[in-house]
Each structure stands twice: as C-alpha cells, then as structure tokens.
C-alpha atoms as a PDB file:
ATOM      1  CA  MET A   1      13.785   3.543 -16.822  1.00  0.00           C
ATOM      2  CA  VAL A   2      11.562   6.418 -17.711  1.00  0.00           C
ATOM      3  CA  PHE A   3       8.444   6.705 -15.829  1.00  0.00           C
ATOM      4  CA  LEU A   4       5.120   8.029 -17.171  1.00  0.00           C
ATOM      5  CA  TYR A   5       3.742   9.612 -13.869  1.00  0.00           C
ATOM      6  CA  SER A   6       4.899   9.120 -10.446  1.00  0.00           C
ATOM      7  CA  ILE A   7       2.259   8.277  -8.050  1.00  0.00           C
ATOM      8  CA  LEU A   8       1.498   7.801  -4.422  1.00  0.00           C
ATOM      9  CA  PHE A   9      -1.410   5.583  -3.647  1.00  0.00           C
ATOM     10  CA  HIS A  10      -2.480   6.833   0.054  1.00  0.00           C
ATOM     11  CA  ILE A  11      -4.408   3.710   1.541  1.00  0.00           C
ATOM     12  CA  THR A  12      -6.044   4.389   5.045  1.00  0.00           C
ATOM     13  CA  SER A  13      -8.938   2.246   4.772  1.00  0.00           C
ATOM     14  CA  GLY A  14      -8.472  -1.456   5.962  1.00  0.00           C
ATOM     15  CA  PRO A  15     -10.099  -4.828   5.800  1.00  0.00           C
ATOM     16  CA  ASN A  16     -13.013  -2.791   7.668  1.00  0.00           C
ATOM     17  CA  ASN A  17     -13.767  -0.732   4.283  1.00  0.00           C
ATOM     18  CA  ILE A  18     -12.393  -3.842   1.440  1.00  0.00           C
ATOM     19  CA  SER A  19     -14.350  -2.241  -1.357  1.00  0.00           C
ATOM     20  CA  LYS A  20     -12.148   1.092  -0.778  1.00  0.00           C
ATOM     21  CA  SER A  21      -8.739  -0.630   0.501  1.00  0.00           C
ATOM     22  CA  MET A  22      -9.040  -3.147  -2.585  1.00  0.00           C
ATOM     23  CA  LEU A  23      -9.736  -0.402  -5.134  1.00  0.00           C
ATOM     24  CA  GLY A  24      -6.362   1.710  -4.129  1.00  0.00           C
ATOM     25  CA  PHE A  25      -4.382  -1.775  -4.397  1.00  0.00           C
ATOM     26  CA  LEU A  26      -6.022  -2.634  -7.931  1.00  0.00           C
ATOM     27  CA  LEU A  27      -5.260   0.792  -8.948  1.00  0.00           C
ATOM     28  CA  ALA A  28      -1.678   0.549  -7.819  1.00  0.00           C
ATOM     29  CA  ARG A  29      -1.110  -2.771  -9.303  1.00  0.00           C
ATOM     30  CA  THR A  30      -2.325  -1.163 -12.649  1.00  0.00           C
ATOM     31  CA  ALA A  31      -0.386   2.072 -12.513  1.00  0.00           C
ATOM     32  CA  ALA A  32       2.892  -0.228 -12.108  1.00  0.00           C
ATOM     33  CA  GLU A  33       2.005  -2.979 -14.852  1.00  0.00           C
ATOM     34  CA  GLU A  34       1.315   0.446 -17.340  1.00  0.00           C
ATOM     35  CA  GLY A  35       4.731   1.614 -16.560  1.00  0.00           C
ATOM     36  CA  HIS A  36       4.348   4.262 -13.712  1.00  0.00           C
ATOM     37  CA  LYS A  37       6.699   5.257 -10.601  1.00  0.00           C
ATOM     38  CA  VAL A  38       4.282   3.728  -7.888  1.00  0.00           C
ATOM     39  CA  GLU A  39       4.713   4.106  -4.126  1.00  0.00           C
ATOM     40  CA  ILE A  40       2.334   3.205  -1.455  1.00  0.00           C
ATOM     41  CA  PHE A  41       1.775   4.767   2.237  1.00  0.00           C
ATOM     42  CA  LEU A  42      -0.483   2.720   4.517  1.00  0.00           C
ATOM     43  CA  SER A  43      -1.633   4.869   7.544  1.00  0.00           C
ATOM     44  CA  GLY A  44      -4.774   4.791   9.995  1.00  0.00           C
ATOM     45  CA  ASP A  45      -6.722   1.384   9.402  1.00  0.00           C
ATOM     46  CA  GLY A  46      -4.660   0.557   6.035  1.00  0.00           C
ATOM     47  CA  VAL A  47      -1.943  -0.562   8.083  1.00  0.00           C
ATOM     48  CA  GLN A  48      -3.940  -3.817   8.920  1.00  0.00           C
ATOM     49  CA  LEU A  49      -3.518  -4.929   5.251  1.00  0.00           C
ATOM     50  CA  VAL A  50      -0.271  -5.953   6.099  1.00  0.00           C
ATOM     51  CA  ARG A  51      -1.064  -8.846   8.287  1.00  0.00           C
ATOM     52  CA  ASP A  52      -0.800 -12.237   6.727  1.00  0.00           C
ATOM     53  CA  THR A  53      -4.133 -13.668   7.411  1.00  0.00           C
ATOM     54  CA  ILE A  54      -5.452 -10.395   5.683  1.00  0.00           C
ATOM     55  CA  ILE A  55      -2.906 -10.372   2.616  1.00  0.00           C
ATOM     56  CA  GLU A  56      -3.978 -14.079   2.311  1.00  0.00           C
ATOM     57  CA  ASN A  57      -7.831 -13.806   2.603  1.00  0.00           C
ATOM     58  CA  LEU A  58      -8.742 -10.582   1.546  1.00  0.00           C
ATOM     59  CA  VAL A  59     -10.724 -10.425  -1.730  1.00  0.00           C
ATOM     60  CA  GLY A  60     -12.584  -7.252  -2.893  1.00  0.00           C
ATOM     61  CA  LEU A  61     -15.761  -7.063  -4.889  1.00  0.00           C
ATOM     62  CA  GLY A  62     -14.990  -7.234  -8.359  1.00  0.00           C
ATOM     63  CA  THR A  63     -11.313  -5.668  -7.311  1.00  0.00           C
ATOM     64  CA  GLY A  64      -9.436  -8.838  -6.932  1.00  0.00           C
ATOM     65  CA  LYS A  65      -7.491 -10.619  -4.360  1.00  0.00           C
ATOM     66  CA  LEU A  66      -4.745  -8.494  -2.134  1.00  0.00           C
ATOM     67  CA  LYS A  67      -2.212 -11.539  -2.329  1.00  0.00           C
ATOM     68  CA  GLU A  68      -2.316 -11.440  -6.009  1.00  0.00           C
ATOM     69  CA  HIS A  69      -1.853  -7.540  -6.012  1.00  0.00           C
ATOM     70  CA  MET A  70       0.789  -7.642  -3.114  1.00  0.00           C
ATOM     71  CA  ASP A  71       2.830 -10.312  -5.436  1.00  0.00           C
ATOM     72  CA  VAL A  72       2.789  -8.107  -8.755  1.00  0.00           C
ATOM     73  CA  LEU A  73       3.679  -5.046  -6.843  1.00  0.00           C
ATOM     74  CA  LYS A  74       6.714  -6.870  -5.014  1.00  0.00           C
ATOM     75  CA  LYS A  75       7.788  -8.087  -8.572  1.00  0.00           C
ATOM     76  CA  LYS A  76       7.300  -4.425  -9.602  1.00  0.00           C
ATOM     77  CA  ARG A  77       9.444  -3.716  -6.854  1.00  0.00           C
ATOM     78  CA  VAL A  78       6.691  -0.834  -5.567  1.00  0.00           C
ATOM     79  CA  PRO A  79       8.028   0.314  -2.331  1.00  0.00           C
ATOM     80  CA  ILE A  80       5.460   0.312   0.401  1.00  0.00           C
ATOM     81  CA  TYR A  81       5.592   2.073   3.296  1.00  0.00           C
ATOM     82  CA  VAL A  82       3.506   1.985   6.785  1.00  0.00           C
ATOM     83  CA  SER A  83       3.383   4.712   9.422  1.00  0.00           C
ATOM     84  CA  SER A  84       5.065   3.729  12.548  1.00  0.00           C
ATOM     85  CA  MET A  85       2.306   5.465  14.457  1.00  0.00           C
ATOM     86  CA  SER A  86      -0.472   3.859  13.138  1.00  0.00           C
ATOM     87  CA  CYS A  87       0.880   0.495  13.533  1.00  0.00           C
ATOM     88  CA  GLU A  88       1.859   0.908  17.131  1.00  0.00           C
ATOM     89  CA  ASN A  89      -1.886   2.231  17.853  1.00  0.00           C
ATOM     90  CA  ARG A  90      -3.313  -0.729  16.098  1.00  0.00           C
ATOM     91  CA  GLY A  91      -0.953  -3.558  17.058  1.00  0.00           C
ATOM     92  CA  ILE A  92       1.263  -4.062  14.008  1.00  0.00           C
ATOM     93  CA  THR A  93       4.738  -5.192  14.974  1.00  0.00           C
ATOM     94  CA  ASN A  94       7.953  -5.671  13.010  1.00  0.00           C
ATOM     95  CA  LEU A  95       6.911  -9.356  13.140  1.00  0.00           C
ATOM     96  CA  ASP A  96       4.088  -8.487  11.467  1.00  0.00           C
ATOM     97  CA  LEU A  97       6.532  -7.223   8.439  1.00  0.00           C
ATOM     98  CA  GLU A  98       8.996  -9.669   8.341  1.00  0.00           C
ATOM     99  CA  GLY A  99       9.805 -11.344   5.166  1.00  0.00           C
ATOM    100  CA  LYS A 100       8.056  -8.391   3.350  1.00  0.00           C
ATOM    101  CA  LYS A 101       9.852  -5.722   1.628  1.00  0.00           C
ATOM    102  CA  ILE A 102       7.757  -3.070   3.687  1.00  0.00           C
ATOM    103  CA  LYS A 103       9.444   0.089   5.746  1.00  0.00           C
ATOM    104  CA  LYS A 104       7.917   1.490   8.997  1.00  0.00           C
ATOM    105  CA  VAL A 105       8.342   5.211   8.711  1.00  0.00           C
ATOM    106  CA  LEU A 106       7.560   8.485  10.582  1.00  0.00           C
ATOM    107  CA  PRO A 107       4.296  10.330   9.450  1.00  0.00           C
ATOM    108  CA  LYS A 108       6.818  12.766   7.889  1.00  0.00           C
ATOM    109  CA  THR A 109       7.857  10.457   5.047  1.00  0.00           C
ATOM    110  CA  LEU A 110       4.303  10.849   3.714  1.00  0.00           C
ATOM    111  CA  LEU A 111       4.664  14.609   3.375  1.00  0.00           C
ATOM    112  CA  ASP A 112       7.710  14.100   1.190  1.00  0.00           C
ATOM    113  CA  LEU A 113       6.146  11.593  -0.696  1.00  0.00           C
ATOM    114  CA  VAL A 114       3.347  13.638  -1.725  1.00  0.00           C
ATOM    115  CA  LEU A 115       5.700  16.637  -2.323  1.00  0.00           C
ATOM    116  CA  SER A 116       7.874  14.584  -4.649  1.00  0.00           C
ATOM    117  CA  THR A 117       5.269  12.829  -6.796  1.00  0.00           C
ATOM    118  CA  ASP A 118       3.072  13.875  -9.836  1.00  0.00           C
ATOM    119  CA  LYS A 119      -0.240  12.572  -8.499  1.00  0.00           C
ATOM    120  CA  THR A 120      -1.636  11.269  -5.173  1.00  0.00           C
ATOM    121  CA  LEU A 121      -4.520   8.915  -4.920  1.00  0.00           C
ATOM    122  CA  ILE A 122      -6.156   8.424  -1.521  1.00  0.00           C
ATOM    123  CA  TYR A 123      -8.764   5.493  -0.629  1.00  0.00           C
END
C-alpha cells in the first residue's frame, strides 16, 4: 500500500481538555480514512484516554465520540503508543491496556517516531 503522507499525532491533552484531545483523535481518524499512514503517541495527560470509562464516555463538542474514533483507528490498524513514564505517573496499568492494541513504550520511541514521519501534529 502506498501512503500519501506519514503523520504522527502526539496527544498530550487528556479528559481535562476534551476539545483538544478529541480534535487530535478526529484528525487522526480522518487522516487514516484518507489513506495516510497514521501513528498516535499519547503522553502526559493524554495517557488517561486509554481508560475504558473514558473511551466509552468521552464526547467532544463537535469532534465526535472517542469510542467511535478508537474503533475506526483499530480497524485501520493505526498503532497507538503510550508513554510508560506518563502511565506510571498517572496510575495507568497493564490492566488498563489489556485487550487493546496499545503499546507502552519509553520516551525515546517518541523521538524515533517524530524523525521517521513526514508530519507531526501535537494536541
């Protein structure tokens, strides 16, 4: 498959800034649906977006439902990475990631992703 662009979405905003975090997911979903290679890296408060209760209930004002975005991203096989340090500091455990195709990684992975993509968008 030939991709138009490779785009990294670095989402640092969490449920405390719904508009910003949901815009990141909406655009990641849109880019994946348009045929771009998309990767998502969650760090800071953004790692809280992997909790089941948040996935099921978070709705942005005009930016859709997190559950719907996650379903499309999963179907499109978009890799989602979470910062292991941010997870540790915010109480996100392996149990929160169970059953999801979300990979816990070290911060160096973010640098590697930024250097290997055409565009990086931060929310």
